Amino acid sequence: EQGVFRPELAARDVYMMVAALGYFYQSNRYTLSAFLGENLEDQPTFARWEAFVVDSVLRTVSNQPVSGH
């Protein structure tokens, strides 16, 4: 009602986005760690990915510009 969220989005699509981003990271962390040359299980690296996911979801669902996340 307040126009905060994009009206054309389906909840299932947002759920699939979050699930895909989380699953891909977790299921491929060993291979990606070797490929990227960094430890994806390191807490600061994981926290950076988590912040990226949150920011991506907020930017996707928001009907207004999102900054500072």
PDB file of N, CA and C in Angstrom:
ATOM      1  N   GLU A   1       0.803  -1.200   0.000  1.00  0.00           N
ATOM      2  CA  GLU A   1       0.000   0.000   0.000  1.00  0.00           C
ATOM      3  C   GLU A   1       0.849   1.268   0.000  1.00  0.00           C
ATOM      4  N   GLN A   2       2.023   1.179   0.606  1.00  0.00           N
ATOM      5  CA  GLN A   2       2.893   2.349   0.700  1.00  0.00           C
ATOM      6  C   GLN A   2       3.798   2.499  -0.522  1.00  0.00           C
ATOM      7  N   GLY A   3       3.787   1.510  -1.397  1.00  0.00           N
ATOM      8  CA  GLY A   3       4.607   1.579  -2.601  1.00  0.00           C
ATOM      9  C   GLY A   3       6.077   1.294  -2.372  1.00  0.00           C
ATOM     10  N   VAL A   4       6.402   0.624  -1.296  1.00  0.00           N
ATOM     11  CA  VAL A   4       7.798   0.328  -0.960  1.00  0.00           C
ATOM     12  C   VAL A   4       8.367  -0.769  -1.855  1.00  0.00           C
ATOM     13  N   PHE A   5       7.525  -1.744  -2.185  1.00  0.00           N
ATOM     14  CA  PHE A   5       7.982  -2.890  -2.964  1.00  0.00           C
ATOM     15  C   PHE A   5       7.480  -2.812  -4.401  1.00  0.00           C
ATOM     16  N   ARG A   6       8.271  -3.362  -5.303  1.00  0.00           N
ATOM     17  CA  ARG A   6       7.856  -3.429  -6.708  1.00  0.00           C
ATOM     18  C   ARG A   6       6.638  -4.350  -6.820  1.00  0.00           C
ATOM     19  N   PRO A   7       5.536  -3.861  -7.335  1.00  0.00           N
ATOM     20  CA  PRO A   7       4.300  -4.646  -7.344  1.00  0.00           C
ATOM     21  C   PRO A   7       4.325  -5.853  -8.282  1.00  0.00           C
ATOM     22  N   GLU A   8       5.187  -5.841  -9.280  1.00  0.00           N
ATOM     23  CA  GLU A   8       5.188  -6.941 -10.248  1.00  0.00           C
ATOM     24  C   GLU A   8       5.959  -8.172  -9.770  1.00  0.00           C
ATOM     25  N   LEU A   9       6.616  -8.074  -8.642  1.00  0.00           N
ATOM     26  CA  LEU A   9       7.404  -9.206  -8.135  1.00  0.00           C
ATOM     27  C   LEU A   9       6.516 -10.235  -7.455  1.00  0.00           C
ATOM     28  N   ALA A  10       6.867 -11.489  -7.664  1.00  0.00           N
ATOM     29  CA  ALA A  10       6.190 -12.587  -6.981  1.00  0.00           C
ATOM     30  C   ALA A  10       7.078 -13.050  -5.828  1.00  0.00           C
ATOM     31  N   ALA A  11       6.458 -13.345  -4.704  1.00  0.00           N
ATOM     32  CA  ALA A  11       7.202 -13.797  -3.527  1.00  0.00           C
ATOM     33  C   ALA A  11       8.043 -15.034  -3.846  1.00  0.00           C
ATOM     34  N   ARG A  12       7.520 -15.919  -4.673  1.00  0.00           N
ATOM     35  CA  ARG A  12       8.262 -17.137  -5.013  1.00  0.00           C
ATOM     36  C   ARG A  12       9.563 -16.810  -5.733  1.00  0.00           C
ATOM     37  N   ASP A  13       9.564 -15.760  -6.555  1.00  0.00           N
ATOM     38  CA  ASP A  13      10.775 -15.369  -7.273  1.00  0.00           C
ATOM     39  C   ASP A  13      11.829 -14.803  -6.329  1.00  0.00           C
ATOM     40  N   VAL A  14      11.387 -14.023  -5.361  1.00  0.00           N
ATOM     41  CA  VAL A  14      12.316 -13.478  -4.369  1.00  0.00           C
ATOM     42  C   VAL A  14      12.885 -14.619  -3.530  1.00  0.00           C
ATOM     43  N   TYR A  15      12.035 -15.556  -3.135  1.00  0.00           N
ATOM     44  CA  TYR A  15      12.490 -16.718  -2.383  1.00  0.00           C
ATOM     45  C   TYR A  15      13.530 -17.504  -3.176  1.00  0.00           C
ATOM     46  N   MET A  16      13.245 -17.739  -4.458  1.00  0.00           N
ATOM     47  CA  MET A  16      14.187 -18.498  -5.287  1.00  0.00           C
ATOM     48  C   MET A  16      15.510 -17.756  -5.442  1.00  0.00           C
ATOM     49  N   MET A  17      15.453 -16.442  -5.509  1.00  0.00           N
ATOM     50  CA  MET A  17      16.682 -15.643  -5.610  1.00  0.00           C
ATOM     51  C   MET A  17      17.551 -15.836  -4.361  1.00  0.00           C
ATOM     52  N   VAL A  18      16.939 -15.696  -3.196  1.00  0.00           N
ATOM     53  CA  VAL A  18      17.670 -15.857  -1.935  1.00  0.00           C
ATOM     54  C   VAL A  18      18.208 -17.288  -1.813  1.00  0.00           C
ATOM     55  N   ALA A  19      17.359 -18.265  -2.110  1.00  0.00           N
ATOM     56  CA  ALA A  19      17.777 -19.665  -2.005  1.00  0.00           C
ATOM     57  C   ALA A  19      18.920 -19.968  -2.965  1.00  0.00           C
ATOM     58  N   ALA A  20      18.831 -19.476  -4.181  1.00  0.00           N
ATOM     59  CA  ALA A  20      19.876 -19.741  -5.178  1.00  0.00           C
ATOM     60  C   ALA A  20      21.200 -19.120  -4.780  1.00  0.00           C
ATOM     61  N   LEU A  21      21.174 -17.867  -4.344  1.00  0.00           N
ATOM     62  CA  LEU A  21      22.415 -17.201  -3.957  1.00  0.00           C
ATOM     63  C   LEU A  21      23.047 -17.866  -2.740  1.00  0.00           C
ATOM     64  N   GLY A  22      22.228 -18.283  -1.795  1.00  0.00           N
ATOM     65  CA  GLY A  22      22.757 -18.953  -0.611  1.00  0.00           C
ATOM     66  C   GLY A  22      23.260 -20.355  -0.918  1.00  0.00           C
ATOM     67  N   TYR A  23      22.494 -21.098  -1.687  1.00  0.00           N
ATOM     68  CA  TYR A  23      22.864 -22.477  -1.997  1.00  0.00           C
ATOM     69  C   TYR A  23      24.125 -22.539  -2.848  1.00  0.00           C
ATOM     70  N   PHE A  24      24.205 -21.708  -3.868  1.00  0.00           N
ATOM     71  CA  PHE A  24      25.357 -21.741  -4.759  1.00  0.00           C
ATOM     72  C   PHE A  24      26.650 -21.520  -3.976  1.00  0.00           C
ATOM     73  N   TYR A  25      26.639 -20.522  -3.118  1.00  0.00           N
ATOM     74  CA  TYR A  25      27.833 -20.210  -2.319  1.00  0.00           C
ATOM     75  C   TYR A  25      28.219 -21.409  -1.452  1.00  0.00           C
ATOM     76  N   GLN A  26      27.239 -21.947  -0.731  1.00  0.00           N
ATOM     77  CA  GLN A  26      27.521 -23.043   0.192  1.00  0.00           C
ATOM     78  C   GLN A  26      27.919 -24.322  -0.527  1.00  0.00           C
ATOM     79  N   SER A  27      27.215 -24.664  -1.572  1.00  0.00           N
ATOM     80  CA  SER A  27      27.471 -25.946  -2.239  1.00  0.00           C
ATOM     81  C   SER A  27      28.748 -25.943  -3.073  1.00  0.00           C
ATOM     82  N   ASN A  28      29.221 -24.768  -3.441  1.00  0.00           N
ATOM     83  CA  ASN A  28      30.419 -24.677  -4.274  1.00  0.00           C
ATOM     84  C   ASN A  28      31.595 -23.993  -3.579  1.00  0.00           C
ATOM     85  N   ARG A  29      31.516 -23.833  -2.277  1.00  0.00           N
ATOM     86  CA  ARG A  29      32.543 -23.047  -1.573  1.00  0.00           C
ATOM     87  C   ARG A  29      33.938 -23.640  -1.677  1.00  0.00           C
ATOM     88  N   TYR A  30      34.070 -24.954  -1.717  1.00  0.00           N
ATOM     89  CA  TYR A  30      35.407 -25.543  -1.803  1.00  0.00           C
ATOM     90  C   TYR A  30      36.003 -25.341  -3.192  1.00  0.00           C
ATOM     91  N   THR A  31      35.206 -25.622  -4.220  1.00  0.00           N
ATOM     92  CA  THR A  31      35.675 -25.440  -5.594  1.00  0.00           C
ATOM     93  C   THR A  31      35.949 -23.963  -5.866  1.00  0.00           C
ATOM     94  N   LEU A  32      35.020 -23.104  -5.454  1.00  0.00           N
ATOM     95  CA  LEU A  32      35.204 -21.667  -5.681  1.00  0.00           C
ATOM     96  C   LEU A  32      36.385 -21.116  -4.893  1.00  0.00           C
ATOM     97  N   SER A  33      36.623 -21.634  -3.703  1.00  0.00           N
ATOM     98  CA  SER A  33      37.779 -21.195  -2.917  1.00  0.00           C
ATOM     99  C   SER A  33      39.070 -21.482  -3.678  1.00  0.00           C
ATOM    100  N   ALA A  34      39.150 -22.680  -4.270  1.00  0.00           N
ATOM    101  CA  ALA A  34      40.340 -23.035  -5.042  1.00  0.00           C
ATOM    102  C   ALA A  34      40.439 -22.182  -6.308  1.00  0.00           C
ATOM    103  N   PHE A  35      39.335 -22.023  -6.999  1.00  0.00           N
ATOM    104  CA  PHE A  35      39.310 -21.266  -8.252  1.00  0.00           C
ATOM    105  C   PHE A  35      39.636 -19.791  -8.029  1.00  0.00           C
ATOM    106  N   LEU A  36      39.035 -19.208  -6.988  1.00  0.00           N
ATOM    107  CA  LEU A  36      39.221 -17.778  -6.719  1.00  0.00           C
ATOM    108  C   LEU A  36      40.474 -17.473  -5.904  1.00  0.00           C
ATOM    109  N   GLY A  37      41.040 -18.510  -5.304  1.00  0.00           N
ATOM    110  CA  GLY A  37      42.248 -18.311  -4.511  1.00  0.00           C
ATOM    111  C   GLY A  37      41.995 -17.613  -3.186  1.00  0.00           C
ATOM    112  N   GLU A  38      40.803 -17.806  -2.636  1.00  0.00           N
ATOM    113  CA  GLU A  38      40.496 -17.237  -1.324  1.00  0.00           C
ATOM    114  C   GLU A  38      39.610 -18.207  -0.554  1.00  0.00           C
ATOM    115  N   ASN A  39      39.684 -18.140   0.746  1.00  0.00           N
ATOM    116  CA  ASN A  39      38.921 -19.042   1.605  1.00  0.00           C
ATOM    117  C   ASN A  39      37.517 -18.489   1.797  1.00  0.00           C
ATOM    118  N   LEU A  40      36.541 -19.093   1.130  1.00  0.00           N
ATOM    119  CA  LEU A  40      35.169 -18.616   1.239  1.00  0.00           C
ATOM    120  C   LEU A  40      34.526 -18.993   2.565  1.00  0.00           C
ATOM    121  N   GLU A  41      35.196 -19.819   3.355  1.00  0.00           N
ATOM    122  CA  GLU A  41      34.682 -20.153   4.683  1.00  0.00           C
ATOM    123  C   GLU A  41      35.204 -19.189   5.752  1.00  0.00           C
ATOM    124  N   ASP A  42      36.105 -18.321   5.370  1.00  0.00           N
ATOM    125  CA  ASP A  42      36.612 -17.298   6.274  1.00  0.00           C
ATOM    126  C   ASP A  42      35.455 -16.371   6.653  1.00  0.00           C
ATOM    127  N   GLN A  43      35.300 -16.065   7.939  1.00  0.00           N
ATOM    128  CA  GLN A  43      34.152 -15.295   8.405  1.00  0.00           C
ATOM    129  C   GLN A  43      34.005 -13.928   7.728  1.00  0.00           C
ATOM    130  N   PRO A  44      35.066 -13.146   7.577  1.00  0.00           N
ATOM    131  CA  PRO A  44      34.898 -11.860   6.882  1.00  0.00           C
ATOM    132  C   PRO A  44      34.463 -12.024   5.421  1.00  0.00           C
ATOM    133  N   THR A  45      34.954 -13.055   4.749  1.00  0.00           N
ATOM    134  CA  THR A  45      34.572 -13.305   3.361  1.00  0.00           C
ATOM    135  C   THR A  45      33.109 -13.721   3.282  1.00  0.00           C
ATOM    136  N   PHE A  46      32.698 -14.596   4.191  1.00  0.00           N
ATOM    137  CA  PHE A  46      31.300 -15.020   4.237  1.00  0.00           C
ATOM    138  C   PHE A  46      30.388 -13.832   4.550  1.00  0.00           C
ATOM    139  N   ALA A  47      30.798 -12.989   5.489  1.00  0.00           N
ATOM    140  CA  ALA A  47      30.006 -11.809   5.856  1.00  0.00           C
ATOM    141  C   ALA A  47      29.865 -10.855   4.676  1.00  0.00           C
ATOM    142  N   ARG A  48      30.928 -10.727   3.886  1.00  0.00           N
ATOM    143  CA  ARG A  48      30.865  -9.869   2.700  1.00  0.00           C
ATOM    144  C   ARG A  48      29.849 -10.421   1.700  1.00  0.00           C
ATOM    145  N   TRP A  49      29.833 -11.754   1.499  1.00  0.00           N
ATOM    146  CA  TRP A  49      28.857 -12.356   0.590  1.00  0.00           C
ATOM    147  C   TRP A  49      27.438 -12.180   1.135  1.00  0.00           C
ATOM    148  N   GLU A  50      27.268 -12.379   2.441  1.00  0.00           N
ATOM    149  CA  GLU A  50      25.950 -12.207   3.051  1.00  0.00           C
ATOM    150  C   GLU A  50      25.438 -10.780   2.834  1.00  0.00           C
ATOM    151  N   ALA A  51      26.300  -9.790   3.022  1.00  0.00           N
ATOM    152  CA  ALA A  51      25.919  -8.394   2.808  1.00  0.00           C
ATOM    153  C   ALA A  51      25.569  -8.155   1.342  1.00  0.00           C
ATOM    154  N   PHE A  52      26.296  -8.791   0.433  1.00  0.00           N
ATOM    155  CA  PHE A  52      26.014  -8.677  -0.989  1.00  0.00           C
ATOM    156  C   PHE A  52      24.631  -9.228  -1.319  1.00  0.00           C
ATOM    157  N   VAL A  53      24.291 -10.376  -0.743  1.00  0.00           N
ATOM    158  CA  VAL A  53      22.991 -10.994  -0.982  1.00  0.00           C
ATOM    159  C   VAL A  53      21.877 -10.092  -0.459  1.00  0.00           C
ATOM    160  N   VAL A  54      22.035  -9.593   0.761  1.00  0.00           N
ATOM    161  CA  VAL A  54      21.025  -8.707   1.346  1.00  0.00           C
ATOM    162  C   VAL A  54      20.841  -7.471   0.463  1.00  0.00           C
ATOM    163  N   ASP A  55      21.930  -6.864   0.050  1.00  0.00           N
ATOM    164  CA  ASP A  55      21.863  -5.678  -0.796  1.00  0.00           C
ATOM    165  C   ASP A  55      21.190  -5.995  -2.131  1.00  0.00           C
ATOM    166  N   SER A  56      21.537  -7.132  -2.710  1.00  0.00           N
ATOM    167  CA  SER A  56      20.950  -7.532  -3.993  1.00  0.00           C
ATOM    168  C   SER A  56      19.438  -7.720  -3.879  1.00  0.00           C
ATOM    169  N   VAL A  57      19.011  -8.375  -2.818  1.00  0.00           N
ATOM    170  CA  VAL A  57      17.581  -8.604  -2.624  1.00  0.00           C
ATOM    171  C   VAL A  57      16.858  -7.278  -2.392  1.00  0.00           C
ATOM    172  N   LEU A  58      17.417  -6.424  -1.553  1.00  0.00           N
ATOM    173  CA  LEU A  58      16.779  -5.131  -1.297  1.00  0.00           C
ATOM    174  C   LEU A  58      16.664  -4.302  -2.569  1.00  0.00           C
ATOM    175  N   ARG A  59      17.710  -4.314  -3.375  1.00  0.00           N
ATOM    176  CA  ARG A  59      17.671  -3.560  -4.638  1.00  0.00           C
ATOM    177  C   ARG A  59      16.649  -4.152  -5.610  1.00  0.00           C
ATOM    178  N   THR A  60      16.466  -5.459  -5.548  1.00  0.00           N
ATOM    179  CA  THR A  60      15.517  -6.117  -6.425  1.00  0.00           C
ATOM    180  C   THR A  60      14.068  -5.833  -6.025  1.00  0.00           C
ATOM    181  N   VAL A  61      13.776  -5.876  -4.744  1.00  0.00           N
ATOM    182  CA  VAL A  61      12.381  -5.743  -4.299  1.00  0.00           C
ATOM    183  C   VAL A  61      11.939  -4.292  -4.079  1.00  0.00           C
ATOM    184  N   SER A  62      12.893  -3.405  -3.894  1.00  0.00           N
ATOM    185  CA  SER A  62      12.555  -2.022  -3.570  1.00  0.00           C
ATOM    186  C   SER A  62      12.024  -1.268  -4.785  1.00  0.00           C
ATOM    187  N   ASN A  63      11.023  -0.468  -4.553  1.00  0.00           N
ATOM    188  CA  ASN A  63      10.467   0.387  -5.588  1.00  0.00           C
ATOM    189  C   ASN A  63      11.176   1.735  -5.605  1.00  0.00           C
ATOM    190  N   GLN A  64      12.137   1.901  -4.689  1.00  0.00           N
ATOM    191  CA  GLN A  64      12.889   3.136  -4.556  1.00  0.00           C
ATOM    192  C   GLN A  64      14.371   2.798  -4.501  1.00  0.00           C
ATOM    193  N   PRO A  65      15.232   3.764  -4.805  1.00  0.00           N
ATOM    194  CA  PRO A  65      16.682   3.503  -4.733  1.00  0.00           C
ATOM    195  C   PRO A  65      17.098   3.061  -3.329  1.00  0.00           C
ATOM    196  N   VAL A  66      17.981   2.074  -3.283  1.00  0.00           N
ATOM    197  CA  VAL A  66      18.496   1.559  -2.014  1.00  0.00           C
ATOM    198  C   VAL A  66      19.956   1.953  -1.922  1.00  0.00           C
ATOM    199  N   SER A  67      20.364   2.505  -0.789  1.00  0.00           N
ATOM    200  CA  SER A  67      21.772   2.853  -0.601  1.00  0.00           C
ATOM    201  C   SER A  67      22.198   2.521   0.814  1.00  0.00           C
ATOM    202  N   GLY A  68      23.494   2.316   0.963  1.00  0.00           N
ATOM    203  CA  GLY A  68      24.065   2.107   2.288  1.00  0.00           C
ATOM    204  C   GLY A  68      23.916   0.728   2.868  1.00  0.00           C
ATOM    205  N   HIS A  69      23.605  -0.282   2.072  1.00  0.00           N
ATOM    206  CA  HIS A  69      23.504  -1.638   2.605  1.00  0.00           C
ATOM    207  C   HIS A  69      24.637  -2.485   2.133  1.00  0.00           C
TER     208      HIS A  69
END
